[in-house]
């Protein structure tokens, strides 16, 4: 039996996420939780015919530095994760995928955040053109899995979704960390 939500007060309404203060009763114990509500994210590991993978480098203000990541983006309300993945792949990398396979879905930090990430392997890629949003200042580069795995070992890739995505896609394609 799930705990009872006694009350939920929205304390912040944002562009990408909202924050609520929830009061919860579990048995005889009552407690509060601050919850960040997010519609989820589509995450893509784009692998080209030559078995290279596209990574994007962009400034992440919360980390205070530029990070190498696999392409990803927030889903719109009620958006199908596969549709979001196709949209983000073309926006950030400038490619469409003939094949898109769901590798995993996971909660980013379920102690306070509702965001679920959907990780896709994108293959049979056809290059188109990037369609970046105004605030997306990114550099795109292709790496072999061996190079990407070495970047993980050397802490040059520090983003969790990227590490998870590369390991899962690499294992699927026969490349191991």
N, C-alpha and C. Protein backbone atom coordinates (compact mmCIF):
# COMPACT_ATOMS: atom_id res chain seq x y z
N UNK A 1 0.84 -1.19 0.00
CA UNK A 1 0.00 0.00 0.00
C UNK A 1 0.88 1.25 0.00
N UNK A 2 0.60 2.18 -0.93
CA UNK A 2 1.40 3.39 -1.05
C UNK A 2 1.05 4.38 0.05
N UNK A 3 2.03 5.22 0.42
CA UNK A 3 1.74 6.28 1.38
C UNK A 3 0.67 7.23 0.85
N UNK A 4 -0.01 7.91 1.77
CA UNK A 4 -1.07 8.85 1.41
C UNK A 4 -0.48 10.25 1.24
N UNK A 5 -0.86 10.92 0.15
CA UNK A 5 -0.45 12.31 -0.04
C UNK A 5 -1.51 13.17 0.63
N UNK A 6 -1.12 13.81 1.71
CA UNK A 6 -2.05 14.65 2.48
C UNK A 6 -2.29 15.97 1.77
N UNK A 7 -1.21 16.56 1.25
CA UNK A 7 -1.34 17.83 0.52
C UNK A 7 -0.19 17.97 -0.46
N UNK A 8 -0.41 18.80 -1.46
CA UNK A 8 0.62 19.09 -2.45
C UNK A 8 0.45 20.54 -2.87
N UNK A 9 1.47 21.34 -2.61
CA UNK A 9 1.42 22.77 -2.93
C UNK A 9 2.50 23.09 -3.96
N UNK A 10 2.09 23.59 -5.13
CA UNK A 10 3.07 23.98 -6.15
C UNK A 10 3.74 25.26 -5.67
N UNK A 11 5.06 25.22 -5.53
CA UNK A 11 5.79 26.39 -5.04
C UNK A 11 6.63 27.05 -6.13
N UNK A 12 6.73 26.37 -7.30
CA UNK A 12 7.43 26.97 -8.44
C UNK A 12 6.86 26.37 -9.71
N UNK A 13 6.57 27.23 -10.67
CA UNK A 13 6.05 26.80 -11.97
C UNK A 13 7.03 27.29 -13.03
N UNK A 14 7.81 26.37 -13.60
CA UNK A 14 8.85 26.77 -14.54
C UNK A 14 8.60 26.33 -15.97
N UNK A 15 9.53 26.67 -16.82
CA UNK A 15 9.47 26.35 -18.24
C UNK A 15 9.74 24.85 -18.47
N UNK A 16 10.68 24.30 -17.75
CA UNK A 16 11.10 22.91 -17.94
C UNK A 16 10.60 21.99 -16.82
N UNK A 17 10.45 22.52 -15.64
CA UNK A 17 9.99 21.71 -14.50
C UNK A 17 9.22 22.57 -13.52
N UNK A 18 8.46 21.90 -12.65
CA UNK A 18 7.73 22.53 -11.57
C UNK A 18 8.24 21.95 -10.25
N UNK A 19 8.02 22.66 -9.17
CA UNK A 19 8.40 22.15 -7.84
C UNK A 19 7.19 22.23 -6.94
N UNK A 20 6.95 21.15 -6.22
CA UNK A 20 5.86 21.13 -5.26
C UNK A 20 6.39 20.71 -3.89
N UNK A 21 5.67 21.12 -2.88
CA UNK A 21 5.96 20.69 -1.51
C UNK A 21 4.82 19.76 -1.11
N UNK A 22 5.15 18.49 -0.95
CA UNK A 22 4.15 17.47 -0.64
C UNK A 22 4.25 17.05 0.81
N UNK A 23 3.09 16.89 1.42
CA UNK A 23 3.01 16.35 2.79
C UNK A 23 2.48 14.93 2.65
N UNK A 24 3.18 13.97 3.24
CA UNK A 24 2.90 12.55 3.04
C UNK A 24 2.72 11.85 4.39
N UNK A 25 1.79 10.89 4.40
CA UNK A 25 1.59 10.06 5.59
C UNK A 25 1.88 8.62 5.20
N UNK A 26 2.78 8.02 5.94
CA UNK A 26 3.12 6.60 5.74
C UNK A 26 2.95 5.92 7.10
N UNK A 27 1.85 5.19 7.23
CA UNK A 27 1.51 4.62 8.53
C UNK A 27 1.20 5.76 9.49
N UNK A 28 1.91 5.81 10.60
CA UNK A 28 1.70 6.85 11.60
C UNK A 28 2.65 8.04 11.42
N UNK A 29 3.54 7.96 10.45
CA UNK A 29 4.56 8.99 10.25
C UNK A 29 4.14 9.95 9.14
N UNK A 30 4.26 11.26 9.43
CA UNK A 30 4.02 12.29 8.42
C UNK A 30 5.34 13.00 8.13
N UNK A 31 5.56 13.33 6.86
CA UNK A 31 6.78 14.04 6.47
C UNK A 31 6.52 14.85 5.21
N UNK A 32 7.46 15.77 4.92
CA UNK A 32 7.36 16.60 3.72
C UNK A 32 8.46 16.23 2.73
N UNK A 33 8.14 16.40 1.45
CA UNK A 33 9.11 16.19 0.39
C UNK A 33 8.97 17.32 -0.63
N UNK A 34 10.09 17.86 -1.06
CA UNK A 34 10.12 18.81 -2.17
C UNK A 34 10.32 17.98 -3.43
N UNK A 35 9.40 18.09 -4.38
CA UNK A 35 9.42 17.26 -5.57
C UNK A 35 9.55 18.13 -6.82
N UNK A 36 10.53 17.80 -7.65
CA UNK A 36 10.71 18.45 -8.94
C UNK A 36 9.99 17.58 -9.97
N UNK A 37 8.97 18.15 -10.62
CA UNK A 37 8.19 17.42 -11.64
C UNK A 37 8.71 17.77 -13.02
N UNK A 38 9.02 16.74 -13.80
CA UNK A 38 9.61 16.90 -15.13
C UNK A 38 8.97 15.87 -16.04
N UNK A 39 8.68 16.22 -17.30
CA UNK A 39 7.99 15.30 -18.22
C UNK A 39 8.86 14.15 -18.72
N UNK A 40 10.15 14.19 -18.44
CA UNK A 40 11.04 13.13 -18.89
C UNK A 40 11.92 13.61 -20.03
N UNK A 41 12.85 12.75 -20.43
CA UNK A 41 13.82 13.11 -21.46
C UNK A 41 14.04 11.96 -22.42
N UNK A 42 14.30 12.33 -23.66
CA UNK A 42 14.72 11.37 -24.68
C UNK A 42 16.23 11.49 -24.82
N UNK A 43 16.91 10.37 -24.78
CA UNK A 43 18.37 10.31 -24.83
C UNK A 43 18.75 9.40 -25.99
N UNK A 44 19.70 9.83 -26.81
CA UNK A 44 20.01 9.09 -28.02
C UNK A 44 21.50 8.81 -28.13
N UNK A 45 21.83 7.54 -28.48
CA UNK A 45 23.20 7.17 -28.80
C UNK A 45 23.24 6.98 -30.31
N UNK A 46 23.67 8.01 -31.05
CA UNK A 46 23.68 7.92 -32.51
C UNK A 46 24.95 7.23 -33.01
N UNK A 47 24.78 6.08 -33.66
CA UNK A 47 25.92 5.30 -34.14
C UNK A 47 25.87 5.25 -35.66
N UNK A 48 26.94 5.72 -36.27
CA UNK A 48 27.05 5.76 -37.73
C UNK A 48 27.50 4.42 -38.29
N UNK A 49 27.42 4.28 -39.61
CA UNK A 49 27.80 3.04 -40.29
C UNK A 49 29.25 2.66 -40.02
N UNK A 50 30.13 3.65 -39.81
CA UNK A 50 31.54 3.36 -39.51
C UNK A 50 31.77 3.05 -38.03
N UNK A 51 30.68 2.87 -37.28
CA UNK A 51 30.69 2.52 -35.86
C UNK A 51 31.24 3.62 -34.96
N UNK A 52 31.16 4.86 -35.43
CA UNK A 52 31.48 5.99 -34.57
C UNK A 52 30.18 6.48 -33.94
N UNK A 53 30.33 7.14 -32.82
CA UNK A 53 29.17 7.67 -32.09
C UNK A 53 29.32 9.19 -31.99
N UNK A 54 28.20 9.89 -32.20
CA UNK A 54 28.22 11.35 -32.11
C UNK A 54 28.00 11.79 -30.66
N UNK A 55 28.87 12.66 -30.20
CA UNK A 55 28.72 13.30 -28.89
C UNK A 55 28.60 14.80 -29.11
N UNK A 56 27.91 15.45 -28.20
CA UNK A 56 27.79 16.90 -28.25
C UNK A 56 28.48 17.49 -27.02
N UNK A 57 29.11 18.63 -27.22
CA UNK A 57 29.78 19.33 -26.12
C UNK A 57 29.06 20.64 -25.92
N UNK A 58 28.62 20.87 -24.68
CA UNK A 58 27.94 22.12 -24.38
C UNK A 58 28.19 22.54 -22.95
N UNK A 59 28.03 23.83 -22.71
CA UNK A 59 28.22 24.36 -21.37
C UNK A 59 27.02 24.00 -20.51
N UNK A 60 27.30 23.44 -19.35
CA UNK A 60 26.26 23.10 -18.38
C UNK A 60 26.49 23.95 -17.15
N UNK A 61 25.64 24.94 -16.98
CA UNK A 61 25.85 25.93 -15.92
C UNK A 61 25.86 25.30 -14.52
N UNK A 62 24.98 24.32 -14.27
CA UNK A 62 24.95 23.70 -12.94
C UNK A 62 26.28 23.02 -12.61
N UNK A 63 26.94 22.47 -13.62
CA UNK A 63 28.25 21.84 -13.42
C UNK A 63 29.38 22.87 -13.49
N UNK A 64 29.09 24.02 -14.11
CA UNK A 64 30.09 25.07 -14.22
C UNK A 64 31.15 24.80 -15.27
N UNK A 65 30.83 23.94 -16.26
CA UNK A 65 31.82 23.63 -17.29
C UNK A 65 31.17 23.02 -18.52
N UNK A 66 31.98 22.88 -19.56
CA UNK A 66 31.53 22.20 -20.78
C UNK A 66 31.61 20.69 -20.56
N UNK A 67 30.58 19.97 -21.01
CA UNK A 67 30.54 18.51 -20.85
C UNK A 67 30.30 17.84 -22.20
N UNK A 68 30.93 16.68 -22.39
CA UNK A 68 30.63 15.82 -23.54
C UNK A 68 29.46 14.95 -23.15
N UNK A 69 28.44 14.91 -24.02
CA UNK A 69 27.23 14.15 -23.74
C UNK A 69 26.71 13.51 -25.01
N UNK A 70 25.87 12.48 -24.84
CA UNK A 70 25.10 12.01 -25.98
C UNK A 70 23.92 12.98 -26.12
N UNK A 71 23.37 13.12 -27.33
CA UNK A 71 22.25 14.05 -27.51
C UNK A 71 21.05 13.67 -26.64
N UNK A 72 20.36 14.67 -26.16
CA UNK A 72 19.20 14.45 -25.30
C UNK A 72 18.37 15.71 -25.24
N UNK A 73 17.13 15.55 -24.84
CA UNK A 73 16.28 16.72 -24.67
C UNK A 73 15.04 16.38 -23.90
N UNK A 74 14.45 17.41 -23.31
CA UNK A 74 13.23 17.23 -22.53
C UNK A 74 12.06 16.89 -23.45
N UNK A 75 11.20 16.02 -22.95
CA UNK A 75 9.97 15.68 -23.67
C UNK A 75 8.91 16.74 -23.38
N UNK A 76 8.04 16.95 -24.33
CA UNK A 76 6.88 17.81 -24.12
C UNK A 76 5.85 17.01 -23.34
N UNK A 77 4.87 17.67 -22.76
CA UNK A 77 3.81 16.98 -22.04
C UNK A 77 3.14 15.96 -22.96
N UNK A 78 3.04 14.71 -22.51
CA UNK A 78 2.41 13.60 -23.23
C UNK A 78 3.11 13.22 -24.53
N UNK A 79 4.34 13.69 -24.75
CA UNK A 79 5.07 13.33 -25.97
C UNK A 79 5.58 11.90 -25.88
N UNK A 80 5.45 11.17 -26.98
CA UNK A 80 5.99 9.82 -27.07
C UNK A 80 7.52 9.91 -27.04
N UNK A 81 8.20 9.14 -26.17
CA UNK A 81 9.66 9.22 -26.07
C UNK A 81 10.38 8.97 -27.39
N UNK A 82 9.87 8.05 -28.23
CA UNK A 82 10.52 7.80 -29.52
C UNK A 82 10.43 9.02 -30.43
N UNK A 83 9.28 9.69 -30.43
CA UNK A 83 9.13 10.91 -31.22
C UNK A 83 10.09 11.99 -30.72
N UNK A 84 10.21 12.11 -29.41
CA UNK A 84 11.14 13.07 -28.82
C UNK A 84 12.58 12.76 -29.20
N UNK A 85 12.92 11.47 -29.21
CA UNK A 85 14.28 11.06 -29.58
C UNK A 85 14.58 11.43 -31.03
N UNK A 86 13.63 11.18 -31.92
CA UNK A 86 13.82 11.52 -33.33
C UNK A 86 13.99 13.04 -33.50
N UNK A 87 13.18 13.80 -32.79
CA UNK A 87 13.26 15.27 -32.85
C UNK A 87 14.62 15.76 -32.36
N UNK A 88 15.04 15.27 -31.21
CA UNK A 88 16.31 15.72 -30.62
C UNK A 88 17.51 15.31 -31.45
N UNK A 89 17.47 14.11 -32.05
CA UNK A 89 18.57 13.63 -32.89
C UNK A 89 18.79 14.58 -34.06
N UNK A 90 17.70 14.96 -34.71
CA UNK A 90 17.84 15.85 -35.86
C UNK A 90 18.23 17.26 -35.42
N UNK A 91 17.63 17.74 -34.32
CA UNK A 91 17.96 19.08 -33.83
C UNK A 91 19.44 19.21 -33.49
N UNK A 92 19.95 18.28 -32.68
CA UNK A 92 21.30 18.43 -32.13
C UNK A 92 22.40 17.89 -33.03
N UNK A 93 22.14 16.79 -33.73
CA UNK A 93 23.19 16.14 -34.51
C UNK A 93 23.02 16.40 -36.01
N UNK A 94 21.81 16.64 -36.45
CA UNK A 94 21.57 16.81 -37.88
C UNK A 94 21.52 15.47 -38.58
N UNK A 95 20.77 14.54 -38.00
CA UNK A 95 20.64 13.21 -38.60
C UNK A 95 19.27 12.64 -38.27
N UNK A 96 18.82 11.74 -39.15
CA UNK A 96 17.62 10.96 -38.87
C UNK A 96 18.04 9.50 -38.78
N UNK A 97 17.25 8.70 -38.06
CA UNK A 97 17.59 7.30 -37.83
C UNK A 97 16.62 6.39 -38.55
N UNK A 98 17.17 5.43 -39.31
CA UNK A 98 16.34 4.39 -39.91
C UNK A 98 15.89 3.40 -38.86
N UNK A 99 16.72 3.22 -37.83
CA UNK A 99 16.41 2.30 -36.73
C UNK A 99 16.59 3.03 -35.41
N UNK A 100 15.61 2.89 -34.55
CA UNK A 100 15.67 3.49 -33.21
C UNK A 100 15.19 2.41 -32.24
N UNK A 101 16.06 2.02 -31.32
CA UNK A 101 15.75 0.94 -30.39
C UNK A 101 15.88 1.42 -28.95
N UNK A 102 14.85 1.20 -28.15
CA UNK A 102 14.89 1.56 -26.74
C UNK A 102 15.84 0.61 -26.01
N UNK A 103 16.87 1.17 -25.38
CA UNK A 103 17.83 0.36 -24.62
C UNK A 103 17.50 0.29 -23.14
N UNK A 104 16.98 1.39 -22.60
CA UNK A 104 16.70 1.44 -21.16
C UNK A 104 15.84 2.66 -20.86
N UNK A 105 15.20 2.61 -19.72
CA UNK A 105 14.52 3.78 -19.18
C UNK A 105 14.78 3.76 -17.68
N UNK A 106 15.08 4.92 -17.13
CA UNK A 106 15.43 4.98 -15.71
C UNK A 106 15.13 6.35 -15.13
N UNK A 107 14.92 6.37 -13.82
CA UNK A 107 14.75 7.63 -13.10
C UNK A 107 16.13 8.21 -12.81
N UNK A 108 16.25 9.50 -12.99
CA UNK A 108 17.52 10.18 -12.82
C UNK A 108 17.91 10.26 -11.34
N UNK A 109 17.01 10.74 -10.53
CA UNK A 109 17.27 10.90 -9.10
C UNK A 109 15.93 10.87 -8.37
N UNK A 110 15.35 9.66 -8.16
CA UNK A 110 13.97 9.53 -7.70
C UNK A 110 13.70 9.99 -6.27
N UNK A 111 14.72 10.41 -5.55
CA UNK A 111 14.49 10.93 -4.21
C UNK A 111 13.77 12.26 -4.22
N UNK A 112 13.90 13.02 -5.31
CA UNK A 112 13.24 14.32 -5.39
C UNK A 112 12.79 14.71 -6.79
N UNK A 113 13.15 13.93 -7.80
CA UNK A 113 12.91 14.30 -9.19
C UNK A 113 12.11 13.22 -9.91
N UNK A 114 11.02 13.62 -10.59
CA UNK A 114 10.18 12.65 -11.29
C UNK A 114 10.71 12.30 -12.68
N UNK A 115 11.75 12.99 -13.16
CA UNK A 115 12.24 12.78 -14.53
C UNK A 115 12.65 11.33 -14.78
N UNK A 116 12.13 10.78 -15.89
CA UNK A 116 12.53 9.47 -16.37
C UNK A 116 13.21 9.67 -17.71
N UNK A 117 14.36 9.06 -17.89
CA UNK A 117 15.09 9.14 -19.15
C UNK A 117 14.87 7.88 -19.95
N UNK A 118 14.64 8.06 -21.25
CA UNK A 118 14.45 6.96 -22.19
C UNK A 118 15.65 6.96 -23.11
N UNK A 119 16.48 5.91 -23.06
CA UNK A 119 17.73 5.85 -23.82
C UNK A 119 17.53 5.00 -25.06
N UNK A 120 17.80 5.59 -26.23
CA UNK A 120 17.63 4.93 -27.51
C UNK A 120 18.96 4.77 -28.23
N UNK A 121 19.12 3.64 -28.91
CA UNK A 121 20.21 3.43 -29.84
C UNK A 121 19.69 3.81 -31.23
N UNK A 122 20.35 4.75 -31.88
CA UNK A 122 19.95 5.20 -33.21
C UNK A 122 20.99 4.71 -34.22
N UNK A 123 20.53 3.93 -35.20
CA UNK A 123 21.42 3.43 -36.25
C UNK A 123 20.78 3.68 -37.62
N UNK A 124 21.50 3.30 -38.65
CA UNK A 124 21.05 3.54 -40.03
C UNK A 124 20.78 5.04 -40.19
N UNK A 125 21.81 5.83 -39.83
CA UNK A 125 21.67 7.28 -39.80
C UNK A 125 21.82 7.90 -41.18
N UNK A 126 21.01 8.92 -41.41
CA UNK A 126 21.11 9.71 -42.63
C UNK A 126 21.32 11.16 -42.20
N UNK A 127 22.40 11.76 -42.70
CA UNK A 127 22.70 13.14 -42.31
C UNK A 127 21.73 14.11 -42.98
N UNK A 128 21.26 15.07 -42.17
CA UNK A 128 20.38 16.14 -42.65
C UNK A 128 21.08 17.45 -42.26
N UNK A 129 20.45 18.26 -41.47
CA UNK A 129 21.06 19.49 -40.97
C UNK A 129 20.60 19.72 -39.54
N UNK A 130 21.51 20.26 -38.72
CA UNK A 130 21.14 20.60 -37.35
C UNK A 130 20.03 21.64 -37.37
N UNK A 131 19.21 21.61 -36.33
CA UNK A 131 18.14 22.58 -36.19
C UNK A 131 18.12 23.02 -34.73
N UNK A 132 19.19 23.66 -34.31
CA UNK A 132 19.37 24.01 -32.90
C UNK A 132 18.42 25.10 -32.46
N UNK A 133 18.02 25.02 -31.18
CA UNK A 133 17.24 26.10 -30.58
C UNK A 133 18.19 27.26 -30.32
N UNK A 134 17.64 28.45 -30.11
CA UNK A 134 18.45 29.66 -29.97
C UNK A 134 19.50 29.56 -28.87
N UNK A 135 19.17 28.87 -27.77
CA UNK A 135 20.12 28.79 -26.65
C UNK A 135 20.95 27.51 -26.65
N UNK A 136 20.91 26.75 -27.73
CA UNK A 136 21.72 25.54 -27.83
C UNK A 136 23.01 25.87 -28.58
N UNK A 137 24.06 26.04 -27.82
CA UNK A 137 25.38 26.34 -28.37
C UNK A 137 26.22 25.08 -28.18
N UNK A 138 26.19 24.22 -29.18
CA UNK A 138 26.84 22.92 -29.01
C UNK A 138 27.82 22.64 -30.15
N UNK A 139 28.80 21.83 -29.81
CA UNK A 139 29.79 21.31 -30.76
C UNK A 139 29.51 19.82 -30.88
N UNK A 140 29.51 19.30 -32.09
CA UNK A 140 29.28 17.87 -32.32
C UNK A 140 30.54 17.24 -32.88
N UNK A 141 30.88 16.07 -32.35
CA UNK A 141 32.07 15.36 -32.83
C UNK A 141 31.81 13.85 -32.77
N UNK A 142 32.42 13.12 -33.69
CA UNK A 142 32.28 11.66 -33.72
C UNK A 142 33.50 11.02 -33.06
N UNK A 143 33.22 9.94 -32.30
CA UNK A 143 34.27 9.19 -31.60
C UNK A 143 34.03 7.70 -31.83
N UNK A 144 35.09 6.92 -31.78
CA UNK A 144 34.93 5.47 -31.75
C UNK A 144 34.48 5.09 -30.35
N UNK A 145 33.92 3.90 -30.19
CA UNK A 145 33.56 3.45 -28.85
C UNK A 145 34.80 3.34 -27.98
N UNK A 146 35.92 2.90 -28.55
CA UNK A 146 37.15 2.80 -27.78
C UNK A 146 37.55 4.17 -27.23
N UNK A 147 37.46 5.20 -28.07
CA UNK A 147 37.78 6.56 -27.61
C UNK A 147 36.79 7.03 -26.53
N UNK A 148 35.51 6.79 -26.76
CA UNK A 148 34.50 7.22 -25.79
C UNK A 148 34.69 6.51 -24.45
N UNK A 149 34.98 5.22 -24.49
CA UNK A 149 35.20 4.49 -23.24
C UNK A 149 36.45 4.99 -22.51
N UNK A 150 37.48 5.34 -23.27
CA UNK A 150 38.68 5.90 -22.64
C UNK A 150 38.35 7.26 -22.02
N UNK A 151 37.49 8.04 -22.67
CA UNK A 151 37.07 9.33 -22.11
C UNK A 151 36.33 9.12 -20.79
N UNK A 152 35.53 8.05 -20.70
CA UNK A 152 34.85 7.72 -19.44
C UNK A 152 35.89 7.39 -18.37
N UNK A 153 36.83 6.52 -18.71
CA UNK A 153 37.87 6.11 -17.74
C UNK A 153 38.71 7.29 -17.27
N UNK A 154 38.94 8.27 -18.15
CA UNK A 154 39.77 9.43 -17.82
C UNK A 154 38.95 10.59 -17.23
N UNK A 155 37.69 10.34 -16.93
CA UNK A 155 36.79 11.37 -16.38
C UNK A 155 36.61 12.56 -17.32
N UNK A 156 36.75 12.34 -18.61
CA UNK A 156 36.48 13.38 -19.59
C UNK A 156 34.99 13.38 -19.96
N UNK A 157 34.31 12.27 -19.71
CA UNK A 157 32.86 12.19 -19.79
C UNK A 157 32.38 11.99 -18.37
N UNK A 158 31.63 12.98 -17.85
CA UNK A 158 31.19 12.95 -16.46
C UNK A 158 29.68 12.90 -16.32
N UNK A 159 28.97 12.89 -17.43
CA UNK A 159 27.52 12.91 -17.43
C UNK A 159 26.97 11.49 -17.32
N UNK A 160 26.12 11.23 -16.33
CA UNK A 160 25.64 9.88 -16.04
C UNK A 160 24.86 9.27 -17.20
N UNK A 161 23.95 10.03 -17.82
CA UNK A 161 23.16 9.46 -18.92
C UNK A 161 24.05 9.05 -20.08
N UNK A 162 25.12 9.80 -20.28
CA UNK A 162 26.06 9.49 -21.36
C UNK A 162 26.83 8.22 -21.05
N UNK A 163 27.29 8.08 -19.83
CA UNK A 163 28.01 6.87 -19.43
C UNK A 163 27.10 5.66 -19.57
N UNK A 164 25.89 5.75 -19.05
CA UNK A 164 24.93 4.64 -19.14
C UNK A 164 24.64 4.31 -20.60
N UNK A 165 24.32 5.33 -21.40
CA UNK A 165 23.97 5.13 -22.80
C UNK A 165 25.10 4.50 -23.60
N UNK A 166 26.32 4.99 -23.41
CA UNK A 166 27.45 4.44 -24.15
C UNK A 166 27.74 3.00 -23.76
N UNK A 167 27.66 2.69 -22.47
CA UNK A 167 27.91 1.32 -22.03
C UNK A 167 26.84 0.38 -22.59
N UNK A 168 25.58 0.77 -22.52
CA UNK A 168 24.50 -0.08 -23.04
C UNK A 168 24.59 -0.26 -24.56
N UNK A 169 24.81 0.84 -25.27
CA UNK A 169 24.90 0.75 -26.73
C UNK A 169 26.14 -0.04 -27.13
N UNK A 170 27.25 0.21 -26.45
CA UNK A 170 28.48 -0.53 -26.75
C UNK A 170 28.30 -2.03 -26.56
N UNK A 171 27.67 -2.41 -25.46
CA UNK A 171 27.43 -3.83 -25.19
C UNK A 171 26.53 -4.44 -26.26
N UNK A 172 25.52 -3.69 -26.67
CA UNK A 172 24.58 -4.17 -27.71
C UNK A 172 25.31 -4.39 -29.03
N UNK A 173 26.30 -3.56 -29.31
CA UNK A 173 27.02 -3.63 -30.58
C UNK A 173 28.33 -4.42 -30.50
N UNK A 174 28.63 -4.98 -29.32
CA UNK A 174 29.82 -5.81 -29.18
C UNK A 174 31.07 -5.08 -28.72
N UNK A 175 30.90 -3.85 -28.22
CA UNK A 175 32.03 -3.08 -27.68
C UNK A 175 31.86 -3.05 -26.16
N UNK A 176 32.92 -3.33 -25.44
CA UNK A 176 32.81 -3.36 -23.98
C UNK A 176 33.78 -2.39 -23.35
N UNK A 177 33.35 -1.79 -22.25
CA UNK A 177 34.15 -0.85 -21.49
C UNK A 177 35.36 -1.57 -20.95
